[in-house]
Amino acid sequence: MGFDFNYMLELLPILLKYLGTTMEMAIWCLFFALILSVILANIRVFKIPVLDQLSQLYISFSVAHHCWSTILLYYGLLRYSRGWLV
């Protein structure tokens, strides 16, 4: 089993058909992430009492979540994909 270049060329028009939707979703995600980051940065800079602590909790959770999900994805796939490897 290997990479089938002809099959990829057959699927390319289907993938390109939805490229606009994918790019639109990515732009919307970046837009909302920018708004959220500006709000969180202003809360942290001006040290609004309760919101500053909540923003610290949110930021630490989101960073830890990405670290753990990366570790679990890497080692989990490595452990449970032994039968899939060719």
Protein backbone atom coordinates (compact mmCIF):
# COMPACT_ATOMS: atom_id res chain seq x y z
CA MET A 1 0.00 0.00 0.00
CA GLY A 2 1.46 3.30 -1.04
CA PHE A 3 0.57 6.74 -2.22
CA ASP A 4 -1.61 6.61 -5.34
CA PHE A 5 -0.95 9.78 -7.32
CA ASN A 6 -3.66 9.03 -9.93
CA TYR A 7 -6.29 8.63 -7.22
CA MET A 8 -5.23 11.95 -5.72
CA LEU A 9 -5.64 13.61 -9.13
CA GLU A 10 -9.16 12.16 -9.37
CA LEU A 11 -10.08 13.62 -5.98
CA LEU A 12 -8.45 16.99 -6.57
CA PRO A 13 -11.53 18.63 -8.21
CA ILE A 14 -13.69 17.57 -5.27
CA LEU A 15 -11.18 18.96 -2.80
CA LEU A 16 -10.85 22.23 -4.71
CA LYS A 17 -14.64 22.56 -4.78
CA TYR A 18 -14.67 22.97 -0.98
CA LEU A 19 -11.49 25.03 -0.69
CA GLY A 20 -13.52 28.24 -0.47
CA THR A 21 -15.55 26.90 2.44
CA THR A 22 -12.40 25.80 4.23
CA MET A 23 -10.75 29.18 3.76
CA GLU A 24 -13.89 30.99 4.92
CA MET A 25 -14.01 28.91 8.09
CA ALA A 26 -10.32 29.56 8.73
CA ILE A 27 -10.77 33.32 8.28
CA TRP A 28 -13.77 33.40 10.64
CA CYS A 29 -11.80 31.43 13.25
CA LEU A 30 -8.87 33.83 12.96
CA PHE A 31 -11.22 36.81 13.25
CA PHE A 32 -12.89 35.55 16.43
CA ALA A 33 -9.54 34.47 17.89
CA LEU A 34 -8.20 37.98 17.31
CA ILE A 35 -11.21 39.53 19.05
CA LEU A 36 -10.91 37.13 21.99
CA SER A 37 -7.17 37.71 22.31
CA VAL A 38 -7.58 41.50 22.31
CA ILE A 39 -10.24 41.24 25.02
CA LEU A 40 -8.10 38.89 27.13
CA ALA A 41 -5.01 41.05 26.66
CA ASN A 42 -6.89 44.17 27.81
CA ILE A 43 -8.21 42.32 30.85
CA ARG A 44 -4.67 41.19 31.73
CA VAL A 45 -3.09 44.63 31.12
CA PHE A 46 -5.64 46.58 33.13
CA LYS A 47 -5.82 43.84 35.82
CA ILE A 48 -9.59 43.74 36.24
CA PRO A 49 -9.85 41.76 39.51
CA VAL A 50 -12.11 38.77 38.86
CA LEU A 51 -11.78 38.76 35.09
CA ASP A 52 -7.98 38.72 35.30
CA GLN A 53 -8.03 35.51 37.33
CA LEU A 54 -10.60 33.95 35.00
CA SER A 55 -8.53 34.90 31.97
CA GLN A 56 -5.42 33.35 33.55
CA LEU A 57 -7.38 30.16 34.15
CA TYR A 58 -8.70 30.13 30.58
CA ILE A 59 -5.25 30.75 29.09
CA SER A 60 -3.54 28.11 31.22
CA PHE A 61 -6.28 25.59 30.41
CA SER A 62 -6.11 26.26 26.68
CA VAL A 63 -2.31 25.96 26.59
CA ALA A 64 -2.36 22.79 28.68
CA HIS A 65 -5.14 21.33 26.54
CA HIS A 66 -3.09 21.74 23.36
CA CYS A 67 0.00 20.25 24.97
CA TRP A 68 -1.88 17.23 26.30
CA SER A 69 -3.86 16.67 23.12
CA THR A 70 -0.63 16.74 21.09
CA ILE A 71 1.03 14.25 23.43
CA LEU A 72 -2.00 11.95 23.48
CA LEU A 73 -2.43 12.16 19.72
CA TYR A 74 1.23 11.37 19.06
CA TYR A 75 1.67 8.57 21.57
CA GLY A 76 -1.91 7.31 21.30
CA LEU A 77 -1.66 6.88 17.56
CA LEU A 78 1.73 5.30 17.97
CA ARG A 79 0.41 2.78 20.49
CA TYR A 80 -2.93 1.90 18.89
CA SER A 81 -1.91 2.03 15.25
CA ARG A 82 0.55 -0.87 15.36
CA GLY A 83 -1.82 -2.94 13.23
CA TRP A 84 -2.29 -0.13 10.71
CA LEU A 85 1.37 0.33 9.88
CA VAL A 86 2.45 -1.17 6.58
